[in-house]
Amino acid sequence: MVCISKWREHFEDMAQGIEAGQEKAFEEFFRFFSPRFRAFFLAGGLPQSDADDLAVSCADDIAMKVWQGKKYDRKKCGGFLPWVFTLMGHERASWWREWFRKRTDQVALAPELSATDPPEDEVLRKAAIEVAIEDAKALVPMIDREIVTLRYSRNGYSFPDIGDLLGMSASSVRVRHWRALRKMRAVLEHDERLRPCLRT
């Protein structure tokens, strides 16, 4: 079994390969991340066709950012894998924001739509929660966002594994995680978008 630090080195090598324009690194990035993006988007409630499209788009965008030398800074981000997971979460939240905006516009133009599609209430509720959580995560430092993202990703990384990925001790990760959640909770408790969700 490959230890986490070896995976961290592997992903850093992949990022360096993409920065250098190595075709093999691009192929490996798409082969590894595209299905994970798709699964993440499907788990987040996106329709299959949108999850497929967004997975390809997200993989393209992230690889291009790395290749063009934009955004990814090893020292600030804590590693390539956490940075990719963070961007993946932003993409899903952006999709829900756009969907929610379009849906609000439709209901304003045709109020009878809201009465004819009851299952969509659950979709609206999930969208509001997703966007509110991503907005709250944006208020904590980037390294803490990555810790929260890794902790609650589909893999549910342990504190020691996250520490290994980010080059920190497990106890430091645990403390940063707790502080980030405390700050996010304080923000979410007063988020007006969540009030209807909490009443049901």
Protein backbone atom coordinates (compact mmCIF):
# COMPACT_ATOMS: atom_id res chain seq x y z
CA MET A 1 0.00 0.00 0.00
CA VAL A 2 1.37 3.39 -1.02
CA CYS A 3 1.69 5.86 1.85
CA ILE A 4 0.15 9.32 1.67
CA SER A 5 3.50 11.13 1.43
CA LYS A 6 4.32 9.13 -1.72
CA TRP A 7 0.98 10.21 -3.18
CA ARG A 8 1.75 13.82 -2.30
CA GLU A 9 5.08 13.57 -4.12
CA HIS A 10 3.35 11.89 -7.06
CA PHE A 11 0.80 14.72 -7.39
CA GLU A 12 3.51 17.37 -7.06
CA ASP A 13 5.42 15.62 -9.87
CA MET A 14 2.22 15.59 -11.93
CA ALA A 15 1.79 19.35 -11.37
CA GLN A 16 5.40 20.00 -12.39
CA GLY A 17 4.88 17.89 -15.51
CA ILE A 18 1.79 19.89 -16.44
CA GLU A 19 3.66 23.16 -15.81
CA ALA A 20 6.37 21.88 -18.18
CA GLY A 21 3.75 20.99 -20.81
CA GLN A 22 4.41 17.23 -20.69
CA GLU A 23 1.64 15.41 -22.52
CA LYS A 24 1.96 12.37 -20.25
CA ALA A 25 1.29 14.52 -17.16
CA PHE A 26 -1.84 16.00 -18.79
CA GLU A 27 -3.09 12.52 -19.71
CA GLU A 28 -2.47 11.21 -16.21
CA PHE A 29 -4.24 14.22 -14.69
CA PHE A 30 -7.34 13.68 -16.87
CA ARG A 31 -7.34 9.92 -16.34
CA PHE A 32 -7.12 10.26 -12.56
CA PHE A 33 -9.27 13.32 -11.88
CA SER A 34 -12.03 13.35 -14.51
CA PRO A 35 -13.94 10.35 -13.08
CA ARG A 36 -13.49 11.71 -9.56
CA PHE A 37 -14.83 15.10 -10.61
CA ARG A 38 -17.82 13.42 -12.24
CA ALA A 39 -18.55 11.32 -9.13
CA PHE A 40 -18.20 14.38 -6.89
CA PHE A 41 -20.60 16.41 -9.03
CA LEU A 42 -23.13 13.56 -9.20
CA ALA A 43 -22.92 13.11 -5.42
CA GLY A 44 -23.59 16.85 -5.11
CA GLY A 45 -26.93 16.48 -6.89
CA LEU A 46 -26.03 17.63 -10.41
CA PRO A 47 -27.87 15.95 -13.29
CA GLN A 48 -25.75 13.36 -15.10
CA SER A 49 -25.32 15.37 -18.32
CA ASP A 50 -24.24 18.46 -16.36
CA ALA A 51 -21.91 16.40 -14.15
CA ASP A 52 -20.29 14.92 -17.28
CA ASP A 53 -19.84 18.33 -18.91
CA LEU A 54 -18.62 20.00 -15.73
CA ALA A 55 -16.11 17.21 -15.03
CA VAL A 56 -14.49 17.69 -18.45
CA SER A 57 -14.60 21.48 -18.17
CA CYS A 58 -13.18 21.42 -14.63
CA ALA A 59 -10.32 19.10 -15.64
CA ASP A 60 -9.51 21.35 -18.62
CA ASP A 61 -9.64 24.54 -16.58
CA ILE A 62 -7.49 23.25 -13.73
CA ALA A 63 -4.87 21.75 -16.04
CA MET A 64 -4.70 24.99 -18.03
CA LYS A 65 -4.29 27.06 -14.85
CA VAL A 66 -1.35 24.91 -13.82
CA TRP A 67 0.18 24.91 -17.30
CA GLN A 68 -0.11 28.70 -17.60
CA GLY A 69 1.43 29.12 -14.13
CA LYS A 70 -1.71 30.70 -12.68
CA LYS A 71 -3.21 30.20 -9.24
CA TYR A 72 -1.31 27.13 -8.03
CA ASP A 73 1.32 28.09 -5.47
CA ARG A 74 2.70 25.10 -3.57
CA LYS A 75 3.54 27.12 -0.47
CA LYS A 76 0.14 28.79 -0.15
CA CYS A 77 -2.00 25.83 -1.19
CA GLY A 78 -0.47 23.09 0.90
CA GLY A 79 -0.16 20.74 -2.06
CA PHE A 80 -1.58 19.96 -5.45
CA LEU A 81 -4.24 17.44 -4.40
CA PRO A 82 -5.88 19.68 -1.76
CA TRP A 83 -5.78 22.59 -4.19
CA VAL A 84 -7.55 20.52 -6.87
CA PHE A 85 -10.19 19.38 -4.34
CA THR A 86 -10.79 22.98 -3.32
CA LEU A 87 -11.28 24.08 -6.93
CA MET A 88 -13.59 21.13 -7.50
CA GLY A 89 -15.76 22.30 -4.59
CA HIS A 90 -15.80 25.85 -5.98
CA GLU A 91 -16.93 24.57 -9.38
CA ARG A 92 -19.83 22.64 -7.87
CA ALA A 93 -20.90 25.64 -5.79
CA SER A 94 -20.66 27.90 -8.86
CA TRP A 95 -22.86 25.50 -10.81
CA TRP A 96 -25.49 25.61 -8.03
CA ARG A 97 -25.28 29.41 -7.81
CA GLU A 98 -25.95 29.70 -11.54
CA TRP A 99 -28.72 27.11 -11.41
CA PHE A 100 -30.31 28.87 -8.46
CA ARG A 101 -30.09 32.27 -10.22
CA LYS A 102 -31.72 30.87 -13.38
CA ARG A 103 -34.42 29.14 -11.35
CA THR A 104 -35.17 32.35 -9.43
CA ASP A 105 -35.46 34.24 -12.71
CA GLN A 106 -37.83 31.58 -14.10
CA VAL A 107 -40.06 31.68 -11.04
CA ALA A 108 -40.17 35.48 -11.18
CA LEU A 109 -41.30 35.28 -14.81
CA ALA A 110 -43.72 32.39 -14.30
CA PRO A 111 -44.72 31.90 -10.62
CA GLU A 112 -46.86 28.86 -11.47
CA LEU A 113 -43.65 26.88 -12.08
CA SER A 114 -42.91 26.65 -8.37
CA ALA A 115 -46.28 25.00 -7.70
CA THR A 116 -45.96 22.42 -10.48
CA ASP A 117 -42.65 20.87 -9.51
CA PRO A 118 -42.62 19.86 -5.82
CA PRO A 119 -39.51 17.62 -5.98
CA GLU A 120 -37.53 20.69 -6.94
CA ASP A 121 -37.98 22.02 -3.40
CA GLU A 122 -35.42 19.47 -2.26
CA VAL A 123 -33.07 20.50 -5.07
CA LEU A 124 -33.43 24.16 -4.08
CA ARG A 125 -32.74 23.26 -0.46
CA LYS A 126 -29.57 21.34 -1.39
CA ALA A 127 -28.46 24.20 -3.66
CA ALA A 128 -28.89 26.75 -0.88
CA ILE A 129 -26.93 24.59 1.55
CA GLU A 130 -24.13 23.91 -0.96
CA VAL A 131 -23.69 27.58 -1.83
CA ALA A 132 -23.87 28.72 1.80
CA ILE A 133 -21.21 26.21 2.86
CA GLU A 134 -18.87 27.20 0.02
CA ASP A 135 -19.36 30.88 0.91
CA ALA A 136 -18.57 30.14 4.57
CA LYS A 137 -15.47 28.15 3.56
CA ALA A 138 -14.29 31.14 1.54
CA LEU A 139 -14.02 33.12 4.79
CA VAL A 140 -11.39 30.87 6.35
CA PRO A 141 -7.72 30.74 5.28
CA MET A 142 -6.97 28.64 2.19
CA ILE A 143 -5.09 25.94 4.10
CA ASP A 144 -8.08 25.53 6.45
CA ARG A 145 -10.45 25.31 3.48
CA GLU A 146 -8.33 22.51 2.09
CA ILE A 147 -8.35 20.69 5.42
CA VAL A 148 -12.16 20.91 5.61
CA THR A 149 -12.50 19.85 1.96
CA LEU A 150 -10.25 16.83 2.43
CA ARG A 151 -11.89 15.84 5.72
CA TYR A 152 -15.39 15.82 4.19
CA SER A 153 -14.50 14.61 0.71
CA ARG A 154 -15.82 11.29 -0.45
CA ASN A 155 -12.63 9.63 0.84
CA GLY A 156 -13.01 11.27 4.26
CA TYR A 157 -9.30 11.62 4.98
CA SER A 158 -8.14 11.18 8.58
CA PHE A 159 -6.27 13.94 10.39
CA PRO A 160 -2.94 12.06 10.09
CA ASP A 161 -3.51 11.52 6.34
CA ILE A 162 -4.35 15.20 5.81
CA GLY A 163 -1.30 16.15 7.84
CA ASP A 164 0.82 13.90 5.65
CA LEU A 165 -0.64 15.45 2.49
CA LEU A 166 -0.10 19.00 3.71
CA GLY A 167 3.17 18.47 5.56
CA MET A 168 1.68 19.22 9.00
CA SER A 169 1.26 17.28 12.21
CA ALA A 170 -2.06 15.55 12.80
CA SER A 171 -2.66 17.65 15.90
CA SER A 172 -2.13 20.90 13.94
CA VAL A 173 -4.60 19.67 11.32
CA ARG A 174 -7.13 18.79 14.03
CA VAL A 175 -6.86 22.25 15.64
CA ARG A 176 -7.09 24.08 12.30
CA HIS A 177 -10.09 21.91 11.33
CA TRP A 178 -11.87 22.69 14.60
CA ARG A 179 -11.21 26.45 14.29
CA ALA A 180 -12.37 26.50 10.67
CA LEU A 181 -15.59 24.67 11.54
CA ARG A 182 -16.21 27.01 14.47
CA LYS A 183 -15.85 30.04 12.22
CA MET A 184 -17.98 28.49 9.47
CA ARG A 185 -20.68 27.49 11.97
CA ALA A 186 -20.86 31.07 13.28
CA VAL A 187 -21.37 32.34 9.73
CA LEU A 188 -23.87 29.64 8.75
CA GLU A 189 -26.01 30.13 11.86
CA HIS A 190 -26.81 33.64 10.65
CA ASP A 191 -27.10 32.88 6.93
CA GLU A 192 -30.56 33.93 5.76
CA ARG A 193 -30.43 31.48 2.85
CA LEU A 194 -30.47 28.58 5.31
CA ARG A 195 -33.43 29.69 7.40
CA PRO A 196 -36.03 28.02 5.12
CA CYS A 197 -33.89 24.87 5.00
CA LEU A 198 -33.69 24.61 8.77
CA ARG A 199 -37.44 25.03 9.32
CA THR A 200 -38.35 21.89 7.37
